[in-house]
Structures are given as structure tokens and as C-alpha cells.
Amino acid sequence: MGDGQDEERASQVVMILLRLFRALERVETDLTPQQYRILKLAGAGGERSARLAERLAVAKPTLTAIADGLVAAGYARRETEPGDRRVVRLCLTESGHAAVERADAAYGGWLGQILAQTSEPEAIRRALDTLDEAMDEVRRARHSAPCVTAPAAAAPAAATASPAPADSRPRGTGPA
């Protein structure tokens, strides 16, 4: 396949992923997809806010705002770390666990209906697992990459080069 065909296929796949996301947003649950993701991760044993924000690829203020809503709704509570009150963990309440169970059932039912219409549901599950692993690897690489700064002497030369347009990155790229 040539570059044009690769770009067209990538564009088609991105549109499919966006369509799937929109369909997931419309699944009837008590939770938004972001709330669900936060509760799923926090439900694994209480997660530090900074770690949750990193794993969800959201800014800490965004996480705080969503967590505030979950706490107000009675789905989660904040607990301080014994020995270090600066560390706060988000933990699920009984209501939070029940909301996650309902959402799990709703999302599972939706996915089951979709996969039932395919000829290879297990192949799709494996492909999604592979994508999930790749996104984790991209996130790990991004967070472990050293911050490199250009030497001061190189700065004037770089300033004379023609800058790339502000939106020159290919569509569909960005944070995984």
C-alpha cells in the first residue's frame, strides 16, 4: 500500500474508533465514560490522584473536578495516606461499587451485541488487547523520555529555520 492509501486507511480506522466511542457514550449507565474509567481504576484498591491522572491521561484539575462530582454523588470518598496527609487516595463506596457493576453489565451487553454481529469476536478482542498494550507502551515511553534541551549556541540557528505550521502533525496522532 502506498502512503496515500495508508493515510486513507488510518483515517477510516480513526473514524471507526470515534464511532465506537460515541456509541459507548450513549450506553445507559449512571456514569459518564470518564467517571466509569476513574471508578474502575480507583476500585482496584484506592489510587493516588496523581497516579490516576497519569493513567487516565488527564490533567490533575480535570481529575479533581470529576472526583469532586463522584464524591458528591456518594460513589467515592477521599482517604489520606497514613503517615502522609498530603497523599490522597480515591476509594469507592458501596454505591460506587454498585454503579460500576451496573455499568460493567451495560457496557458488556453492548459489546456482546456488537461482537455477536462479527465473524471473529475473539480475534477482535485480541486485537483490542494488542492496541491496549501498545497504548500503555507509548504512555510509558512518553513518561520515561528524558527532557532534552538544545545548547544555547544552537538556538539562533534554529530560529532562522522556517517553522512548521502550528497544525502540521498528521491527523489522528497525539496522546494515546
N, C-alpha and C. Protein backbone atom coordinates (compact mmCIF):
# COMPACT_ATOMS: atom_id res chain seq x y z
N MET A 1 0.83 -1.18 0.00
CA MET A 1 0.00 0.00 0.00
C MET A 1 0.87 1.24 0.00
N GLY A 2 0.50 2.25 -0.77
CA GLY A 2 1.26 3.49 -0.82
C GLY A 2 0.89 4.40 0.34
N ASP A 3 1.64 5.48 0.49
CA ASP A 3 1.40 6.41 1.59
C ASP A 3 -0.02 6.96 1.60
N GLY A 4 -0.55 7.31 0.43
CA GLY A 4 -1.91 7.83 0.33
C GLY A 4 -2.93 6.82 0.80
N GLN A 5 -2.74 5.57 0.41
CA GLN A 5 -3.65 4.52 0.83
C GLN A 5 -3.52 4.26 2.33
N ASP A 6 -2.30 4.31 2.86
CA ASP A 6 -2.09 4.13 4.30
C ASP A 6 -2.80 5.23 5.08
N GLU A 7 -2.66 6.47 4.60
CA GLU A 7 -3.31 7.59 5.28
C GLU A 7 -4.82 7.46 5.23
N GLU A 8 -5.34 7.06 4.09
CA GLU A 8 -6.80 6.89 3.95
C GLU A 8 -7.29 5.79 4.88
N ARG A 9 -6.58 4.68 4.95
CA ARG A 9 -6.99 3.58 5.84
C ARG A 9 -6.90 4.00 7.29
N ALA A 10 -5.84 4.73 7.64
CA ALA A 10 -5.72 5.23 9.01
C ALA A 10 -6.89 6.15 9.35
N SER A 11 -7.27 7.00 8.41
CA SER A 11 -8.40 7.90 8.62
C SER A 11 -9.69 7.10 8.83
N GLN A 12 -9.87 6.04 8.06
CA GLN A 12 -11.06 5.20 8.21
C GLN A 12 -11.08 4.53 9.59
N VAL A 13 -9.94 4.05 10.02
CA VAL A 13 -9.86 3.38 11.33
C VAL A 13 -10.15 4.37 12.45
N VAL A 14 -9.61 5.57 12.34
CA VAL A 14 -9.88 6.60 13.35
C VAL A 14 -11.37 6.89 13.41
N MET A 15 -12.01 6.99 12.26
CA MET A 15 -13.46 7.24 12.24
C MET A 15 -14.22 6.10 12.90
N ILE A 16 -13.79 4.87 12.71
CA ILE A 16 -14.43 3.73 13.36
C ILE A 16 -14.27 3.84 14.87
N LEU A 17 -13.06 4.17 15.33
CA LEU A 17 -12.81 4.29 16.76
C LEU A 17 -13.66 5.41 17.37
N LEU A 18 -13.76 6.53 16.66
CA LEU A 18 -14.59 7.62 17.16
C LEU A 18 -16.07 7.22 17.19
N ARG A 19 -16.50 6.47 16.20
CA ARG A 19 -17.89 5.98 16.19
C ARG A 19 -18.13 5.05 17.38
N LEU A 20 -17.17 4.17 17.66
CA LEU A 20 -17.29 3.29 18.82
C LEU A 20 -17.37 4.09 20.11
N PHE A 21 -16.51 5.11 20.23
CA PHE A 21 -16.54 5.93 21.43
C PHE A 21 -17.89 6.62 21.60
N ARG A 22 -18.41 7.20 20.51
CA ARG A 22 -19.73 7.85 20.60
C ARG A 22 -20.82 6.85 20.99
N ALA A 23 -20.74 5.64 20.46
CA ALA A 23 -21.72 4.61 20.83
C ALA A 23 -21.59 4.27 22.30
N LEU A 24 -20.38 4.17 22.81
CA LEU A 24 -20.17 3.90 24.24
C LEU A 24 -20.72 5.02 25.11
N GLU A 25 -20.59 6.25 24.63
CA GLU A 25 -21.13 7.39 25.39
C GLU A 25 -22.65 7.29 25.54
N ARG A 26 -23.30 6.63 24.60
CA ARG A 26 -24.76 6.54 24.63
C ARG A 26 -25.28 5.32 25.37
N VAL A 27 -24.39 4.45 25.85
CA VAL A 27 -24.83 3.29 26.63
C VAL A 27 -25.41 3.82 27.94
N GLU A 28 -26.60 3.35 28.30
CA GLU A 28 -27.28 3.82 29.50
C GLU A 28 -26.61 3.26 30.76
N THR A 29 -25.95 4.15 31.47
CA THR A 29 -25.39 3.83 32.79
C THR A 29 -25.61 5.06 33.66
N ASP A 30 -25.32 4.94 34.92
CA ASP A 30 -25.40 6.10 35.82
C ASP A 30 -24.15 6.97 35.72
N LEU A 31 -23.18 6.53 34.94
CA LEU A 31 -21.86 7.16 34.92
C LEU A 31 -21.51 7.63 33.51
N THR A 32 -20.74 8.71 33.43
CA THR A 32 -20.15 9.10 32.15
C THR A 32 -18.97 8.17 31.90
N PRO A 33 -18.49 8.08 30.66
CA PRO A 33 -17.32 7.25 30.42
C PRO A 33 -16.11 7.65 31.28
N GLN A 34 -15.90 8.95 31.50
CA GLN A 34 -14.77 9.37 32.34
C GLN A 34 -14.98 8.94 33.79
N GLN A 35 -16.19 9.10 34.30
CA GLN A 35 -16.46 8.67 35.66
C GLN A 35 -16.24 7.16 35.79
N TYR A 36 -16.71 6.43 34.80
CA TYR A 36 -16.54 4.97 34.81
C TYR A 36 -15.06 4.60 34.85
N ARG A 37 -14.26 5.22 33.98
CA ARG A 37 -12.82 4.91 33.95
C ARG A 37 -12.18 5.21 35.30
N ILE A 38 -12.52 6.35 35.89
CA ILE A 38 -11.94 6.71 37.18
C ILE A 38 -12.35 5.71 38.25
N LEU A 39 -13.62 5.38 38.29
CA LEU A 39 -14.08 4.43 39.31
C LEU A 39 -13.49 3.04 39.10
N LYS A 40 -13.35 2.62 37.86
CA LYS A 40 -12.74 1.31 37.59
C LYS A 40 -11.30 1.28 38.12
N LEU A 41 -10.53 2.33 37.85
CA LEU A 41 -9.15 2.37 38.30
C LEU A 41 -9.06 2.55 39.81
N ALA A 42 -9.89 3.42 40.36
CA ALA A 42 -9.88 3.63 41.82
C ALA A 42 -10.37 2.39 42.54
N GLY A 43 -11.29 1.67 41.92
CA GLY A 43 -11.84 0.47 42.54
C GLY A 43 -10.86 -0.66 42.66
N ALA A 44 -9.75 -0.54 41.98
CA ALA A 44 -8.72 -1.59 42.05
C ALA A 44 -7.94 -1.51 43.36
N GLY A 45 -8.33 -0.64 44.27
CA GLY A 45 -7.68 -0.62 45.56
C GLY A 45 -7.31 0.76 46.06
N GLY A 46 -7.96 1.78 45.56
CA GLY A 46 -7.63 3.13 46.01
C GLY A 46 -6.38 3.60 45.30
N GLU A 47 -6.52 4.62 44.54
CA GLU A 47 -5.43 5.09 43.69
C GLU A 47 -5.10 6.53 44.06
N ARG A 48 -3.81 6.85 44.11
CA ARG A 48 -3.39 8.23 44.35
C ARG A 48 -3.84 9.09 43.20
N SER A 49 -4.24 10.32 43.50
CA SER A 49 -4.77 11.23 42.48
C SER A 49 -3.77 11.46 41.34
N ALA A 50 -2.52 11.70 41.68
CA ALA A 50 -1.51 11.95 40.64
C ALA A 50 -1.37 10.74 39.73
N ARG A 51 -1.36 9.56 40.29
CA ARG A 51 -1.23 8.33 39.50
C ARG A 51 -2.47 8.11 38.64
N LEU A 52 -3.65 8.37 39.21
CA LEU A 52 -4.89 8.23 38.43
C LEU A 52 -4.88 9.18 37.24
N ALA A 53 -4.49 10.42 37.46
CA ALA A 53 -4.46 11.40 36.36
C ALA A 53 -3.51 10.94 35.27
N GLU A 54 -2.36 10.41 35.65
CA GLU A 54 -1.39 9.92 34.67
C GLU A 54 -1.96 8.75 33.88
N ARG A 55 -2.56 7.79 34.57
CA ARG A 55 -3.09 6.61 33.89
C ARG A 55 -4.27 6.95 32.98
N LEU A 56 -5.03 7.98 33.35
CA LEU A 56 -6.18 8.38 32.55
C LEU A 56 -5.82 9.39 31.47
N ALA A 57 -4.59 9.87 31.50
CA ALA A 57 -4.12 10.89 30.56
C ALA A 57 -4.98 12.15 30.62
N VAL A 58 -5.26 12.58 31.85
CA VAL A 58 -5.98 13.83 32.06
C VAL A 58 -5.18 14.71 33.01
N ALA A 59 -5.43 16.00 32.96
CA ALA A 59 -4.77 16.92 33.88
C ALA A 59 -5.34 16.72 35.28
N LYS A 60 -4.50 16.98 36.28
CA LYS A 60 -4.95 16.81 37.66
C LYS A 60 -6.19 17.64 37.99
N PRO A 61 -6.28 18.91 37.51
CA PRO A 61 -7.51 19.66 37.80
C PRO A 61 -8.77 19.01 37.21
N THR A 62 -8.63 18.40 36.03
CA THR A 62 -9.76 17.69 35.43
C THR A 62 -10.16 16.51 36.29
N LEU A 63 -9.17 15.75 36.74
CA LEU A 63 -9.45 14.60 37.61
C LEU A 63 -10.11 15.08 38.90
N THR A 64 -9.60 16.15 39.47
CA THR A 64 -10.15 16.67 40.72
C THR A 64 -11.62 17.04 40.54
N ALA A 65 -11.95 17.71 39.44
CA ALA A 65 -13.33 18.11 39.20
C ALA A 65 -14.25 16.88 39.07
N ILE A 66 -13.80 15.88 38.35
CA ILE A 66 -14.61 14.66 38.19
C ILE A 66 -14.72 13.93 39.52
N ALA A 67 -13.62 13.84 40.24
CA ALA A 67 -13.62 13.18 41.55
C ALA A 67 -14.55 13.91 42.52
N ASP A 68 -14.56 15.25 42.48
CA ASP A 68 -15.47 16.02 43.34
C ASP A 68 -16.92 15.60 43.08
N GLY A 69 -17.27 15.43 41.80
CA GLY A 69 -18.63 15.01 41.46
C GLY A 69 -18.93 13.60 41.94
N LEU A 70 -17.96 12.71 41.83
CA LEU A 70 -18.14 11.33 42.30
C LEU A 70 -18.30 11.28 43.81
N VAL A 71 -17.53 12.10 44.52
CA VAL A 71 -17.65 12.16 45.98
C VAL A 71 -19.02 12.74 46.36
N ALA A 72 -19.43 13.82 45.69
CA ALA A 72 -20.72 14.44 45.98
C ALA A 72 -21.88 13.48 45.71
N ALA A 73 -21.73 12.63 44.68
CA ALA A 73 -22.77 11.66 44.34
C ALA A 73 -22.76 10.45 45.26
N GLY A 74 -21.74 10.34 46.11
CA GLY A 74 -21.66 9.21 47.03
C GLY A 74 -21.02 7.97 46.43
N TYR A 75 -20.39 8.10 45.26
CA TYR A 75 -19.76 6.96 44.61
C TYR A 75 -18.32 6.73 45.08
N ALA A 76 -17.71 7.76 45.61
CA ALA A 76 -16.30 7.65 46.03
C ALA A 76 -16.08 8.49 47.28
N ARG A 77 -14.96 8.20 47.94
CA ARG A 77 -14.54 9.00 49.08
C ARG A 77 -13.03 9.20 48.97
N ARG A 78 -12.57 10.26 49.57
CA ARG A 78 -11.14 10.53 49.60
C ARG A 78 -10.59 10.06 50.94
N GLU A 79 -9.45 9.40 50.88
CA GLU A 79 -8.79 8.95 52.10
C GLU A 79 -7.35 9.43 52.07
N THR A 80 -6.89 9.96 53.21
CA THR A 80 -5.50 10.40 53.27
C THR A 80 -4.62 9.19 53.57
N GLU A 81 -3.40 9.29 53.12
CA GLU A 81 -2.39 8.23 53.31
C GLU A 81 -1.94 8.27 54.78
N PRO A 82 -1.99 7.13 55.46
CA PRO A 82 -1.46 7.13 56.83
C PRO A 82 0.01 7.55 56.81
N GLY A 83 0.34 8.52 57.64
CA GLY A 83 1.74 8.96 57.71
C GLY A 83 2.07 10.10 56.77
N ASP A 84 1.20 10.39 55.78
CA ASP A 84 1.47 11.49 54.86
C ASP A 84 0.13 12.04 54.39
N ARG A 85 -0.38 13.02 55.12
CA ARG A 85 -1.71 13.56 54.83
C ARG A 85 -1.77 14.28 53.49
N ARG A 86 -0.62 14.59 52.89
CA ARG A 86 -0.63 15.25 51.58
C ARG A 86 -1.08 14.29 50.48
N VAL A 87 -0.91 13.01 50.70
CA VAL A 87 -1.29 11.99 49.72
C VAL A 87 -2.76 11.63 49.94
N VAL A 88 -3.55 11.78 48.88
CA VAL A 88 -4.97 11.47 48.95
C VAL A 88 -5.28 10.39 47.94
N ARG A 89 -6.02 9.40 48.39
CA ARG A 89 -6.45 8.31 47.52
C ARG A 89 -7.95 8.40 47.31
N LEU A 90 -8.38 8.03 46.12
CA LEU A 90 -9.80 7.98 45.80
C LEU A 90 -10.24 6.53 45.93
N CYS A 91 -11.24 6.28 46.78
CA CYS A 91 -11.72 4.92 47.04
C CYS A 91 -13.22 4.86 46.76
N LEU A 92 -13.68 3.72 46.30
CA LEU A 92 -15.09 3.54 46.01
C LEU A 92 -15.89 3.28 47.29
N THR A 93 -17.10 3.79 47.29
CA THR A 93 -18.06 3.47 48.35
C THR A 93 -18.88 2.27 47.87
N GLU A 94 -19.79 1.79 48.72
CA GLU A 94 -20.68 0.71 48.29
C GLU A 94 -21.49 1.14 47.07
N SER A 95 -21.98 2.38 47.09
CA SER A 95 -22.73 2.89 45.94
C SER A 95 -21.87 2.95 44.69
N GLY A 96 -20.60 3.29 44.86
CA GLY A 96 -19.68 3.34 43.73
C GLY A 96 -19.46 1.96 43.13
N HIS A 97 -19.27 0.97 44.01
CA HIS A 97 -19.10 -0.41 43.52
C HIS A 97 -20.36 -0.86 42.77
N ALA A 98 -21.54 -0.52 43.31
CA ALA A 98 -22.79 -0.91 42.65
C ALA A 98 -22.93 -0.21 41.29
N ALA A 99 -22.56 1.08 41.22
CA ALA A 99 -22.64 1.81 39.95
C ALA A 99 -21.70 1.20 38.92
N VAL A 100 -20.51 0.81 39.35
CA VAL A 100 -19.55 0.19 38.43
C VAL A 100 -20.08 -1.16 37.95
N GLU A 101 -20.67 -1.93 38.84
CA GLU A 101 -21.23 -3.23 38.43
C GLU A 101 -22.34 -3.05 37.40
N ARG A 102 -23.21 -2.04 37.61
CA ARG A 102 -24.28 -1.77 36.63
C ARG A 102 -23.69 -1.34 35.30
N ALA A 103 -22.68 -0.47 35.36
CA ALA A 103 -22.04 0.00 34.12
C ALA A 103 -21.33 -1.15 33.42
N ASP A 104 -20.64 -2.01 34.19
CA ASP A 104 -19.98 -3.18 33.60
C ASP A 104 -21.00 -4.02 32.83
N ALA A 105 -22.16 -4.25 33.44
CA ALA A 105 -23.20 -5.06 32.79
C ALA A 105 -23.70 -4.37 31.52
N ALA A 106 -23.94 -3.07 31.60
CA ALA A 106 -24.45 -2.34 30.44
C ALA A 106 -23.43 -2.32 29.31
N TYR A 107 -22.18 -2.00 29.62
CA TYR A 107 -21.13 -1.97 28.59
C TYR A 107 -20.88 -3.38 28.04
N GLY A 108 -20.89 -4.37 28.92
CA GLY A 108 -20.69 -5.75 28.47
C GLY A 108 -21.80 -6.20 27.54
N GLY A 109 -23.04 -5.84 27.86
CA GLY A 109 -24.17 -6.18 27.00
C GLY A 109 -24.05 -5.51 25.64
N TRP A 110 -23.67 -4.23 25.64
CA TRP A 110 -23.48 -3.50 24.38
C TRP A 110 -22.40 -4.16 23.54
N LEU A 111 -21.25 -4.45 24.16
CA LEU A 111 -20.15 -5.06 23.42
C LEU A 111 -20.54 -6.45 22.91
N GLY A 112 -21.25 -7.20 23.73
CA GLY A 112 -21.70 -8.53 23.30
C GLY A 112 -22.56 -8.47 22.06
N GLN A 113 -23.46 -7.48 21.99
CA GLN A 113 -24.30 -7.31 20.81
C GLN A 113 -23.47 -6.99 19.58
N ILE A 114 -22.48 -6.13 19.74
CA ILE A 114 -21.63 -5.75 18.60
C ILE A 114 -20.83 -6.95 18.14
N LEU A 115 -20.17 -7.62 19.08
CA LEU A 115 -19.32 -8.76 18.72
C LEU A 115 -20.13 -9.91 18.13
N ALA A 116 -21.37 -10.06 18.55
CA ALA A 116 -22.22 -11.12 18.01
C ALA A 116 -22.48 -10.93 16.52
N GLN A 117 -22.32 -9.71 16.03
CA GLN A 117 -22.53 -9.42 14.62
C GLN A 117 -21.27 -9.63 13.78
N THR A 118 -20.18 -10.04 14.42
CA THR A 118 -18.93 -10.23 13.69
C THR A 118 -18.66 -11.72 13.51
N SER A 119 -17.79 -12.02 12.57
CA SER A 119 -17.44 -13.43 12.32
C SER A 119 -16.31 -13.91 13.22
N GLU A 120 -15.55 -12.98 13.82
CA GLU A 120 -14.39 -13.37 14.63
C GLU A 120 -14.30 -12.54 15.92
N PRO A 121 -15.24 -12.74 16.85
CA PRO A 121 -15.22 -11.93 18.07
C PRO A 121 -13.92 -12.07 18.88
N GLU A 122 -13.36 -13.27 18.95
CA GLU A 122 -12.13 -13.45 19.72
C GLU A 122 -10.95 -12.74 19.07
N ALA A 123 -10.91 -12.72 17.75
CA ALA A 123 -9.83 -12.00 17.06
C ALA A 123 -9.93 -10.51 17.35
N ILE A 124 -11.14 -9.99 17.42
CA ILE A 124 -11.33 -8.57 17.73
C ILE A 124 -10.89 -8.29 19.17
N ARG A 125 -11.25 -9.16 20.09
CA ARG A 125 -10.81 -8.98 21.49
C ARG A 125 -9.29 -8.99 21.58
N ARG A 126 -8.65 -9.93 20.88
CA ARG A 126 -7.18 -9.98 20.90
C ARG A 126 -6.58 -8.72 20.29
N ALA A 127 -7.16 -8.24 19.20
CA ALA A 127 -6.65 -7.02 18.57
C ALA A 127 -6.80 -5.83 19.52
N LEU A 128 -7.91 -5.75 20.23
CA LEU A 128 -8.10 -4.66 21.20
C LEU A 128 -7.09 -4.77 22.35
N ASP A 129 -6.82 -5.99 22.80
CA ASP A 129 -5.80 -6.19 23.84
C ASP A 129 -4.43 -5.72 23.34
N THR A 130 -4.13 -6.03 22.08
CA THR A 130 -2.86 -5.60 21.49
C THR A 130 -2.77 -4.08 21.42
N LEU A 131 -3.86 -3.43 21.02
CA LEU A 131 -3.90 -1.96 20.99
C LEU A 131 -3.72 -1.38 22.39
N ASP A 132 -4.36 -1.99 23.37
CA ASP A 132 -4.24 -1.53 24.75
C ASP A 132 -2.79 -1.60 25.22
N GLU A 133 -2.13 -2.71 24.92
CA GLU A 133 -0.72 -2.86 25.28
C GLU A 133 0.15 -1.83 24.58
N ALA A 134 -0.13 -1.56 23.31
CA ALA A 134 0.63 -0.57 22.56
C ALA A 134 0.44 0.83 23.15
N MET A 135 -0.79 1.17 23.53
CA MET A 135 -1.03 2.47 24.14
C MET A 135 -0.31 2.60 25.47
N ASP A 136 -0.28 1.52 26.26
CA ASP A 136 0.48 1.53 27.51
C ASP A 136 1.96 1.76 27.24
N GLU A 137 2.48 1.12 26.21
CA GLU A 137 3.90 1.27 25.88
C GLU A 137 4.21 2.70 25.43
N VAL A 138 3.33 3.29 24.63
CA VAL A 138 3.53 4.67 24.20
C VAL A 138 3.51 5.60 25.41
N ARG A 139 2.57 5.37 26.33
CA ARG A 139 2.49 6.20 27.54
C ARG A 139 3.75 6.05 28.38
N ARG A 140 4.21 4.82 28.56
CA ARG A 140 5.44 4.59 29.35
C ARG A 140 6.63 5.28 28.69
N ALA A 141 6.74 5.16 27.38
CA ALA A 141 7.87 5.77 26.68
C ALA A 141 7.81 7.29 26.79
N ARG A 142 6.63 7.85 26.69
CA ARG A 142 6.48 9.29 26.78
C ARG A 142 6.87 9.79 28.17
N HIS A 143 6.52 9.04 29.20
CA HIS A 143 6.82 9.46 30.57
C HIS A 143 8.25 9.17 30.99
N SER A 144 8.92 8.26 30.28
CA SER A 144 10.30 7.95 30.65
C SER A 144 11.32 8.65 29.77
N ALA A 145 10.87 9.33 28.71
CA ALA A 145 11.78 10.03 27.80
C ALA A 145 12.46 11.18 28.54
N PRO A 146 13.78 11.27 28.43
CA PRO A 146 14.47 12.38 29.10
C PRO A 146 14.13 13.70 28.41
N CYS A 147 14.09 14.73 29.18
CA CYS A 147 13.85 16.06 28.64
C CYS A 147 15.16 16.58 28.08
N VAL A 148 15.22 16.82 26.79
CA VAL A 148 16.45 17.26 26.13
C VAL A 148 16.31 18.73 25.77
N THR A 149 17.29 19.51 26.14
CA THR A 149 17.28 20.92 25.75
C THR A 149 18.43 21.18 24.80
N ALA A 150 18.22 22.08 23.86
CA ALA A 150 19.26 22.41 22.88
C ALA A 150 20.30 23.31 23.54
N PRO A 151 21.56 23.16 23.16
CA PRO A 151 22.59 24.06 23.69
C PRO A 151 22.28 25.50 23.27
N ALA A 152 22.69 26.46 24.08
CA ALA A 152 22.39 27.87 23.82
C ALA A 152 22.93 28.31 22.47
N ALA A 153 24.08 27.80 22.05
CA ALA A 153 24.69 28.21 20.78
C ALA A 153 23.84 27.79 19.59
N ALA A 154 23.06 26.73 19.72
CA ALA A 154 22.26 26.23 18.61
C ALA A 154 20.96 27.01 18.46
N ALA A 155 20.56 27.76 19.47
CA ALA A 155 19.28 28.45 19.43
C ALA A 155 19.17 29.44 18.27
N PRO A 156 20.15 30.31 18.00
CA PRO A 156 19.98 31.24 16.89
C PRO A 156 19.81 30.53 15.55
N ALA A 157 20.53 29.46 15.32
CA ALA A 157 20.40 28.73 14.05
C ALA A 157 19.00 28.16 13.90
N ALA A 158 18.46 27.64 14.99
CA ALA A 158 17.13 27.07 14.94
C ALA A 158 16.10 28.16 14.66
N ALA A 159 16.34 29.36 15.15
CA ALA A 159 15.38 30.44 14.95
C ALA A 159 15.31 30.87 13.49
N THR A 160 16.37 30.64 12.71
CA THR A 160 16.35 31.05 11.31
C THR A 160 15.67 30.04 10.41
N ALA A 161 15.52 28.83 10.89
CA ALA A 161 14.84 27.81 10.08
C ALA A 161 13.36 28.16 9.98
N SER A 162 12.75 27.79 8.87
CA SER A 162 11.33 28.12 8.73
C SER A 162 10.53 27.20 9.65
N PRO A 163 9.68 27.78 10.49
CA PRO A 163 8.91 26.96 11.43
C PRO A 163 7.84 26.16 10.70
N ALA A 164 7.53 25.02 11.28
CA ALA A 164 6.45 24.20 10.73
C ALA A 164 5.13 24.86 11.07
N PRO A 165 4.12 24.68 10.25
CA PRO A 165 2.81 25.23 10.59
C PRO A 165 2.36 24.69 11.94
N ALA A 166 1.58 25.48 12.67
CA ALA A 166 1.16 25.10 14.02
C ALA A 166 0.42 23.78 14.04
N ASP A 167 -0.32 23.46 12.99
CA ASP A 167 -1.10 22.23 12.98
C ASP A 167 -0.56 21.28 11.91
N SER A 168 0.77 21.06 11.94
CA SER A 168 1.37 20.24 10.88
C SER A 168 1.42 18.77 11.21
N ARG A 169 1.06 18.38 12.43
CA ARG A 169 1.13 16.97 12.74
C ARG A 169 -0.02 16.22 12.07
N PRO A 170 0.24 14.98 11.66
CA PRO A 170 -0.82 14.23 10.97
C PRO A 170 -2.05 14.07 11.83
N ARG A 171 -3.19 14.08 11.24
CA ARG A 171 -4.45 13.87 11.95
C ARG A 171 -4.44 12.49 12.58
N GLY A 172 -5.06 12.41 13.77
CA GLY A 172 -5.17 11.12 14.43
C GLY A 172 -3.97 10.77 15.27
N THR A 173 -2.96 11.66 15.31
CA THR A 173 -1.83 11.37 16.17
C THR A 173 -1.99 12.20 17.43
N GLY A 174 -1.23 11.88 18.41
CA GLY A 174 -1.30 12.60 19.67
C GLY A 174 -1.28 11.63 20.81
N PRO A 175 -1.69 12.06 21.99
CA PRO A 175 -1.62 11.19 23.15
C PRO A 175 -2.44 9.93 22.95
N ALA A 176 -1.89 8.81 23.36
CA ALA A 176 -2.61 7.54 23.23
C ALA A 176 -3.51 7.35 24.41
